[in-house]
Amino acid sequence: RFYDKVCADLGYVVHHPGLRERELPDLLPPDRQHVI
C-alpha cells in the first residue's frame, strides 16, 4: 500500500484493468464459498 500511496501522491493511481476474482462476490454472491 505504501508503494501505491506514493504513486497516487505523485499523480498516478495504481490499478488493474479488470476485476479480481476475489471482488466478484461483492457483485454476484457465490452459490458456495468456503475458506481453504
All heavy atoms as atom14 arrays in JSON, in Angstrom:
{
  "sequence": "RFYDKVCADLGYVVHHPGLRERELPDLLPPDRQHVI",
  "atom14_mask": [
    [1, 1, 1, 1, 1, 1, 1, 1, 1, 1, 1, 0, 0, 0],
    [1, 1, 1, 1, 1, 1, 1, 1, 1, 1, 1, 0, 0, 0],
    [1, 1, 1, 1, 1, 1, 1, 1, 1, 1, 1, 1, 0, 0],
    [1, 1, 1, 1, 1, 1, 1, 1, 0, 0, 0, 0, 0, 0],
    [1, 1, 1, 1, 1, 1, 1, 1, 1, 0, 0, 0, 0, 0],
    [1, 1, 1, 1, 1, 1, 1, 0, 0, 0, 0, 0, 0, 0],
    [1, 1, 1, 1, 1, 1, 0, 0, 0, 0, 0, 0, 0, 0],
    [1, 1, 1, 1, 1, 0, 0, 0, 0, 0, 0, 0, 0, 0],
    [1, 1, 1, 1, 1, 1, 1, 1, 0, 0, 0, 0, 0, 0],
    [1, 1, 1, 1, 1, 1, 1, 1, 0, 0, 0, 0, 0, 0],
    [1, 1, 1, 1, 0, 0, 0, 0, 0, 0, 0, 0, 0, 0],
    [1, 1, 1, 1, 1, 1, 1, 1, 1, 1, 1, 1, 0, 0],
    [1, 1, 1, 1, 1, 1, 1, 0, 0, 0, 0, 0, 0, 0],
    [1, 1, 1, 1, 1, 1, 1, 0, 0, 0, 0, 0, 0, 0],
    [1, 1, 1, 1, 1, 1, 1, 1, 1, 1, 0, 0, 0, 0],
    [1, 1, 1, 1, 1, 1, 1, 1, 1, 1, 0, 0, 0, 0],
    [1, 1, 1, 1, 1, 1, 1, 0, 0, 0, 0, 0, 0, 0],
    [1, 1, 1, 1, 0, 0, 0, 0, 0, 0, 0, 0, 0, 0],
    [1, 1, 1, 1, 1, 1, 1, 1, 0, 0, 0, 0, 0, 0],
    [1, 1, 1, 1, 1, 1, 1, 1, 1, 1, 1, 0, 0, 0],
    [1, 1, 1, 1, 1, 1, 1, 1, 1, 0, 0, 0, 0, 0],
    [1, 1, 1, 1, 1, 1, 1, 1, 1, 1, 1, 0, 0, 0],
    [1, 1, 1, 1, 1, 1, 1, 1, 1, 0, 0, 0, 0, 0],
    [1, 1, 1, 1, 1, 1, 1, 1, 0, 0, 0, 0, 0, 0],
    [1, 1, 1, 1, 1, 1, 1, 0, 0, 0, 0, 0, 0, 0],
    [1, 1, 1, 1, 1, 1, 1, 1, 0, 0, 0, 0, 0, 0],
    [1, 1, 1, 1, 1, 1, 1, 1, 0, 0, 0, 0, 0, 0],
    [1, 1, 1, 1, 1, 1, 1, 1, 0, 0, 0, 0, 0, 0],
    [1, 1, 1, 1, 1, 1, 1, 0, 0, 0, 0, 0, 0, 0],
    [1, 1, 1, 1, 1, 1, 1, 0, 0, 0, 0, 0, 0, 0],
    [1, 1, 1, 1, 1, 1, 1, 1, 0, 0, 0, 0, 0, 0],
    [1, 1, 1, 1, 1, 1, 1, 1, 1, 1, 1, 0, 0, 0],
    [1, 1, 1, 1, 1, 1, 1, 1, 1, 0, 0, 0, 0, 0],
    [1, 1, 1, 1, 1, 1, 1, 1, 1, 1, 0, 0, 0, 0],
    [1, 1, 1, 1, 1, 1, 1, 0, 0, 0, 0, 0, 0, 0],
    [1, 1, 1, 1, 1, 1, 1, 1, 0, 0, 0, 0, 0, 0]
  ],
  "atom14_positions": [
    [[0.82, -1.21, 0.0], [0.0, 0.0, 0.0], [0.86, 1.26, 0.0], [0.46, 2.29, -0.56], [-0.93, 0.0, 1.22], [-2.1, -0.95, 1.06], [-3.26, -0.53, 1.96], [-2.88, -0.51, 3.36], [-3.2, -1.45, 4.25], [-3.91, -2.51, 3.86], [-2.83, -1.36, 5.5], [0.0, 0.0, 0.0], [0.0, 0.0, 0.0], [0.0, 0.0, 0.0]],
    [[2.05, 1.2, 0.62], [2.93, 2.36, 0.63], [3.37, 2.7, -0.79], [3.38, 3.88, -1.18], [4.15, 2.08, 1.52], [5.09, 3.25, 1.63], [4.8, 4.31, 2.48], [6.25, 3.31, 0.88], [5.66, 5.4, 2.58], [7.12, 4.38, 0.96], [6.82, 5.44, 1.82], [0.0, 0.0, 0.0], [0.0, 0.0, 0.0], [0.0, 0.0, 0.0]],
    [[3.73, 1.7, -1.58], [4.1, 1.94, -2.98], [2.93, 2.6, -3.71], [3.1, 3.61, -4.42], [4.48, 0.62, -3.66], [4.71, 0.75, -5.16], [5.98, 1.06, -5.65], [3.67, 0.58, -6.07], [6.2, 1.19, -7.02], [3.89, 0.71, -7.43], [5.14, 1.01, -7.9], [5.36, 1.16, -9.26], [0.0, 0.0, 0.0], [0.0, 0.0, 0.0]],
    [[1.73, 2.05, -3.53], [0.55, 2.6, -4.21], [0.28, 4.04, -3.79], [-0.08, 4.89, -4.61], [-0.69, 1.75, -3.9], [-0.63, 0.37, -4.55], [0.32, 0.11, -5.33], [-1.52, -0.45, -4.26], [0.0, 0.0, 0.0], [0.0, 0.0, 0.0], [0.0, 0.0, 0.0], [0.0, 0.0, 0.0], [0.0, 0.0, 0.0], [0.0, 0.0, 0.0]],
    [[0.46, 4.32, -2.49], [0.19, 5.68, -1.98], [1.18, 6.69, -2.55], [0.8, 7.81, -2.94], [0.25, 5.7, -0.46], [-0.09, 7.07, 0.14], [-0.02, 7.07, 1.65], [-0.46, 8.43, 2.22], [0.31, 9.56, 1.66], [0.0, 0.0, 0.0], [0.0, 0.0, 0.0], [0.0, 0.0, 0.0], [0.0, 0.0, 0.0], [0.0, 0.0, 0.0]],
    [[2.46, 6.32, -2.61], [3.44, 7.23, -3.18], [3.1, 7.53, -4.63], [3.13, 8.69, -5.07], [4.87, 6.65, -3.07], [5.87, 7.55, -3.8], [5.28, 6.51, -1.61], [0.0, 0.0, 0.0], [0.0, 0.0, 0.0], [0.0, 0.0, 0.0], [0.0, 0.0, 0.0], [0.0, 0.0, 0.0], [0.0, 0.0, 0.0], [0.0, 0.0, 0.0]],
    [[2.72, 6.49, -5.38], [2.33, 6.71, -6.78], [1.13, 7.63, -6.88], [1.08, 8.55, -7.71], [2.02, 5.37, -7.46], [3.46, 4.31, -7.74], [0.0, 0.0, 0.0], [0.0, 0.0, 0.0], [0.0, 0.0, 0.0], [0.0, 0.0, 0.0], [0.0, 0.0, 0.0], [0.0, 0.0, 0.0], [0.0, 0.0, 0.0], [0.0, 0.0, 0.0]],
    [[0.13, 7.4, -6.0], [-1.08, 8.23, -6.02], [-0.75, 9.68, -5.66], [-1.26, 10.62, -6.29], [-2.11, 7.67, -5.06], [0.0, 0.0, 0.0], [0.0, 0.0, 0.0], [0.0, 0.0, 0.0], [0.0, 0.0, 0.0], [0.0, 0.0, 0.0], [0.0, 0.0, 0.0], [0.0, 0.0, 0.0], [0.0, 0.0, 0.0], [0.0, 0.0, 0.0]],
    [[0.12, 9.88, -4.67], [0.52, 11.23, -4.28], [1.23, 11.96, -5.42], [1.18, 13.19, -5.51], [1.42, 11.19, -3.04], [0.67, 10.79, -1.78], [-0.57, 10.81, -1.79], [1.35, 10.43, -0.79], [0.0, 0.0, 0.0], [0.0, 0.0, 0.0], [0.0, 0.0, 0.0], [0.0, 0.0, 0.0], [0.0, 0.0, 0.0], [0.0, 0.0, 0.0]],
    [[1.88, 11.18, -6.29], [2.6, 11.76, -7.43], [1.73, 11.88, -8.67], [2.19, 12.32, -9.73], [3.85, 10.92, -7.73], [4.94, 10.95, -6.66], [6.01, 9.9, -6.94], [5.56, 12.33, -6.56], [0.0, 0.0, 0.0], [0.0, 0.0, 0.0], [0.0, 0.0, 0.0], [0.0, 0.0, 0.0], [0.0, 0.0, 0.0], [0.0, 0.0, 0.0]],
    [[0.47, 11.44, -8.56], [-0.47, 11.66, -9.66], [-0.9, 10.45, -10.44], [-1.62, 10.58, -11.43], [0.0, 0.0, 0.0], [0.0, 0.0, 0.0], [0.0, 0.0, 0.0], [0.0, 0.0, 0.0], [0.0, 0.0, 0.0], [0.0, 0.0, 0.0], [0.0, 0.0, 0.0], [0.0, 0.0, 0.0], [0.0, 0.0, 0.0], [0.0, 0.0, 0.0]],
    [[-0.47, 9.24, -10.03], [-0.89, 8.04, -10.75], [-1.51, 7.04, -9.78], [-0.86, 6.62, -8.82], [0.29, 7.37, -11.47], [-0.16, 6.16, -12.28], [-0.63, 6.32, -13.58], [-0.16, 4.89, -11.73], [-1.07, 5.23, -14.32], [-0.6, 3.79, -12.45], [-1.06, 3.98, -13.75], [-1.51, 2.9, -14.46], [0.0, 0.0, 0.0], [0.0, 0.0, 0.0]],
    [[-2.75, 6.66, -10.03], [-3.44, 5.67, -9.2], [-3.16, 4.28, -9.74], [-3.52, 3.96, -10.88], [-4.97, 5.93, -9.18], [-5.67, 4.85, -8.37], [-5.25, 7.32, -8.59], [0.0, 0.0, 0.0], [0.0, 0.0, 0.0], [0.0, 0.0, 0.0], [0.0, 0.0, 0.0], [0.0, 0.0, 0.0], [0.0, 0.0, 0.0], [0.0, 0.0, 0.0]],
    [[-2.5, 3.47, -8.94], [-2.17, 2.11, -9.35], [-3.45, 1.28, -9.39], [-4.24, 1.28, -8.46], [-1.16, 1.47, -8.36], [-0.87, 0.04, -8.75], [0.13, 2.29, -8.34], [0.0, 0.0, 0.0], [0.0, 0.0, 0.0], [0.0, 0.0, 0.0], [0.0, 0.0, 0.0], [0.0, 0.0, 0.0], [0.0, 0.0, 0.0], [0.0, 0.0, 0.0]],
    [[-3.65, 0.57, -10.5], [-4.88, -0.21, -10.64], [-4.68, -1.31, -11.67], [-3.72, -1.28, -12.45], [-6.03, 0.7, -11.09], [-5.82, 1.29, -12.46], [-4.96, 2.35, -12.68], [-6.34, 0.96, -13.68], [-4.95, 2.66, -13.97], [-5.77, 1.83, -14.59], [0.0, 0.0, 0.0], [0.0, 0.0, 0.0], [0.0, 0.0, 0.0], [0.0, 0.0, 0.0]],
    [[-5.58, -2.27, -11.64], [-5.64, -3.3, -12.68], [-6.72, -2.91, -13.67], [-7.68, -2.22, -13.31], [-5.98, -4.66, -12.07], [-4.85, -5.28, -11.32], [-4.8, -5.3, -9.94], [-3.71, -5.89, -11.74], [-3.68, -5.91, -9.55], [-3.02, -6.27, -10.62], [0.0, 0.0, 0.0], [0.0, 0.0, 0.0], [0.0, 0.0, 0.0], [0.0, 0.0, 0.0]],
    [[-6.61, -3.37, -14.92], [-7.65, -3.02, -15.9], [-8.98, -3.7, -15.65], [-10.03, -3.18, -16.05], [-7.03, -3.49, -17.24], [-6.01, -4.51, -16.86], [-5.48, -4.08, -15.53], [0.0, 0.0, 0.0], [0.0, 0.0, 0.0], [0.0, 0.0, 0.0], [0.0, 0.0, 0.0], [0.0, 0.0, 0.0], [0.0, 0.0, 0.0], [0.0, 0.0, 0.0]],
    [[-8.97, -4.85, -14.99], [-10.2, -5.6, -14.81], [-10.63, -5.75, -13.37], [-10.37, -4.89, -12.53], [0.0, 0.0, 0.0], [0.0, 0.0, 0.0], [0.0, 0.0, 0.0], [0.0, 0.0, 0.0], [0.0, 0.0, 0.0], [0.0, 0.0, 0.0], [0.0, 0.0, 0.0], [0.0, 0.0, 0.0], [0.0, 0.0, 0.0], [0.0, 0.0, 0.0]],
    [[-11.27, -6.87, -13.07], [-11.85, -7.16, -11.76], [-11.2, -8.41, -11.18], [-11.15, -9.45, -11.84], [-13.36, -7.39, -11.9], [-14.14, -7.72, -10.63], [-14.51, -6.42, -9.91], [-15.41, -8.51, -10.96], [0.0, 0.0, 0.0], [0.0, 0.0, 0.0], [0.0, 0.0, 0.0], [0.0, 0.0, 0.0], [0.0, 0.0, 0.0], [0.0, 0.0, 0.0]],
    [[-10.7, -8.32, -9.96], [-10.14, -9.51, -9.32], [-11.26, -10.52, -9.03], [-12.37, -10.13, -8.65], [-9.45, -9.15, -8.01], [-8.24, -8.24, -8.15], [-7.72, -7.9, -6.77], [-6.55, -7.05, -6.81], [-6.58, -5.72, -6.77], [-7.76, -5.09, -6.73], [-5.48, -5.0, -6.78], [0.0, 0.0, 0.0], [0.0, 0.0, 0.0], [0.0, 0.0, 0.0]],
    [[-10.95, -11.81, -9.18], [-11.95, -12.83, -8.86], [-12.44, -12.69, -7.42], [-13.61, -12.94, -7.15], [-11.38, -14.23, -9.09], [-11.35, -14.7, -10.53], [-10.08, -14.33, -11.27], [-9.26, -13.53, -10.73], [-9.89, -14.79, -12.4], [0.0, 0.0, 0.0], [0.0, 0.0, 0.0], [0.0, 0.0, 0.0], [0.0, 0.0, 0.0], [0.0, 0.0, 0.0]],
    [[-11.58, -12.26, -6.53], [-11.99, -12.1, -5.14], [-12.97, -10.95, -4.95], [-13.62, -10.85, -3.91], [-10.77, -11.91, -4.24], [-10.0, -10.62, -4.41], [-8.92, -10.52, -3.36], [-8.17, -9.28, -3.38], [-6.95, -9.15, -3.9], [-6.36, -10.2, -4.46], [-6.32, -7.99, -3.86], [0.0, 0.0, 0.0], [0.0, 0.0, 0.0], [0.0, 0.0, 0.0]],
    [[-13.07, -10.05, -5.96], [-14.02, -8.95, -5.9], [-15.38, -9.31, -6.5], [-16.37, -8.62, -6.25], [-13.45, -7.73, -6.63], [-12.18, -7.18, -5.98], [-11.46, -6.17, -6.85], [-11.62, -6.22, -8.09], [-10.72, -5.34, -6.29], [0.0, 0.0, 0.0], [0.0, 0.0, 0.0], [0.0, 0.0, 0.0], [0.0, 0.0, 0.0], [0.0, 0.0, 0.0]],
    [[-15.42, -10.38, -7.29], [-16.67, -10.77, -7.94], [-17.79, -11.07, -6.94], [-18.95, -10.71, -7.2], [-16.43, -11.96, -8.88], [-17.61, -12.42, -9.73], [-18.17, -11.28, -10.58], [-17.18, -13.59, -10.63], [0.0, 0.0, 0.0], [0.0, 0.0, 0.0], [0.0, 0.0, 0.0], [0.0, 0.0, 0.0], [0.0, 0.0, 0.0], [0.0, 0.0, 0.0]],
    [[-17.52, -11.72, -5.79], [-18.6, -11.97, -4.83], [-19.31, -10.71, -4.33], [-20.47, -10.78, -3.91], [-17.89, -12.7, -3.68], [-16.75, -13.38, -4.33], [-16.28, -12.41, -5.38], [0.0, 0.0, 0.0], [0.0, 0.0, 0.0], [0.0, 0.0, 0.0], [0.0, 0.0, 0.0], [0.0, 0.0, 0.0], [0.0, 0.0, 0.0], [0.0, 0.0, 0.0]],
    [[-18.63, -9.56, -4.38], [-19.28, -8.31, -3.98], [-20.38, -7.93, -4.96], [-21.34, -7.24, -4.6], [-18.26, -7.17, -3.89], [-17.25, -7.38, -2.78], [-17.58, -8.11, -1.82], [-16.14, -6.84, -2.88], [0.0, 0.0, 0.0], [0.0, 0.0, 0.0], [0.0, 0.0, 0.0], [0.0, 0.0, 0.0], [0.0, 0.0, 0.0], [0.0, 0.0, 0.0]],
    [[-20.23, -8.38, -6.21], [-21.21, -8.07, -7.25], [-22.18, -9.22, -7.48], [-23.35, -9.0, -7.82], [-20.49, -7.75, -8.57], [-19.47, -6.6, -8.52], [-18.78, -6.48, -9.86], [-20.15, -5.31, -8.14], [0.0, 0.0, 0.0], [0.0, 0.0, 0.0], [0.0, 0.0, 0.0], [0.0, 0.0, 0.0], [0.0, 0.0, 0.0], [0.0, 0.0, 0.0]],
    [[-21.69, -10.44, -7.3], [-22.5, -11.64, -7.53], [-22.15, -12.67, -6.46], [-21.16, -13.39, -6.58], [-22.21, -12.22, -8.93], [-23.05, -13.44, -9.33], [-24.52, -13.04, -9.53], [-22.5, -14.07, -10.62], [0.0, 0.0, 0.0], [0.0, 0.0, 0.0], [0.0, 0.0, 0.0], [0.0, 0.0, 0.0], [0.0, 0.0, 0.0], [0.0, 0.0, 0.0]],
    [[-22.93, -12.77, -5.39], [-22.62, -13.71, -4.31], [-22.52, -15.15, -4.84], [-23.37, -15.58, -5.63], [-23.81, -13.56, -3.35], [-24.33, -12.18, -3.61], [-24.13, -11.96, -5.08], [0.0, 0.0, 0.0], [0.0, 0.0, 0.0], [0.0, 0.0, 0.0], [0.0, 0.0, 0.0], [0.0, 0.0, 0.0], [0.0, 0.0, 0.0], [0.0, 0.0, 0.0]],
    [[-21.5, -15.89, -4.45], [-21.34, -17.27, -4.92], [-22.44, -18.18, -4.38], [-23.05, -17.9, -3.34], [-19.97, -17.69, -4.36], [-19.31, -16.42, -3.95], [-20.39, -15.47, -3.58], [0.0, 0.0, 0.0], [0.0, 0.0, 0.0], [0.0, 0.0, 0.0], [0.0, 0.0, 0.0], [0.0, 0.0, 0.0], [0.0, 0.0, 0.0], [0.0, 0.0, 0.0]],
    [[-22.69, -19.27, -5.08], [-23.59, -20.3, -4.57], [-22.94, -21.03, -3.4], [-23.62, -21.44, -2.46], [-23.93, -21.31, -5.68], [-24.66, -20.65, -6.84], [-25.59, -19.86, -6.58], [-24.28, -20.89, -8.0], [0.0, 0.0, 0.0], [0.0, 0.0, 0.0], [0.0, 0.0, 0.0], [0.0, 0.0, 0.0], [0.0, 0.0, 0.0], [0.0, 0.0, 0.0]],
    [[-21.63, -21.21, -3.5], [-20.87, -21.85, -2.43], [-19.56, -21.11, -2.26], [-18.93, -20.69, -3.23], [-20.6, -23.32, -2.75], [-21.82, -24.22, -2.73], [-21.44, -25.67, -2.95], [-20.98, -25.9, -4.32], [-20.53, -27.07, -4.77], [-20.44, -28.12, -3.94], [-20.15, -27.21, -6.03], [0.0, 0.0, 0.0], [0.0, 0.0, 0.0], [0.0, 0.0, 0.0]],
    [[-19.15, -20.96, -1.01], [-17.89, -20.29, -0.71], [-17.36, -20.82, 0.61], [-18.11, -20.89, 1.59], [-18.1, -18.78, -0.63], [-16.87, -17.98, -0.25], [-17.12, -16.48, -0.28], [-18.22, -16.02, -0.58], [-16.1, -15.7, 0.04], [0.0, 0.0, 0.0], [0.0, 0.0, 0.0], [0.0, 0.0, 0.0], [0.0, 0.0, 0.0], [0.0, 0.0, 0.0]],
    [[-16.11, -21.24, 0.64], [-15.54, -21.64, 1.92], [-14.04, -21.36, 1.94], [-13.39, -21.33, 0.9], [-15.82, -23.11, 2.24], [-15.02, -24.08, 1.41], [-15.51, -24.66, 0.26], [-13.77, -24.59, 1.59], [-14.6, -25.48, -0.24], [-13.54, -25.45, 0.53], [0.0, 0.0, 0.0], [0.0, 0.0, 0.0], [0.0, 0.0, 0.0], [0.0, 0.0, 0.0]],
    [[-13.54, -21.11, 3.13], [-12.12, -20.81, 3.3], [-11.31, -22.1, 3.19], [-11.6, -23.09, 3.86], [-11.86, -20.14, 4.67], [-10.37, -19.93, 4.89], [-12.61, -18.81, 4.75], [0.0, 0.0, 0.0], [0.0, 0.0, 0.0], [0.0, 0.0, 0.0], [0.0, 0.0, 0.0], [0.0, 0.0, 0.0], [0.0, 0.0, 0.0], [0.0, 0.0, 0.0]],
    [[-10.31, -22.09, 2.33], [-9.42, -23.23, 2.17], [-8.35, -23.22, 3.25], [-8.09, -24.21, 3.92], [-8.77, -23.21, 0.77], [-9.83, -23.33, -0.33], [-7.73, -24.34, 0.65], [-9.28, -23.1, -1.73], [0.0, 0.0, 0.0], [0.0, 0.0, 0.0], [0.0, 0.0, 0.0], [0.0, 0.0, 0.0], [0.0, 0.0, 0.0], [0.0, 0.0, 0.0]]
  ]
}
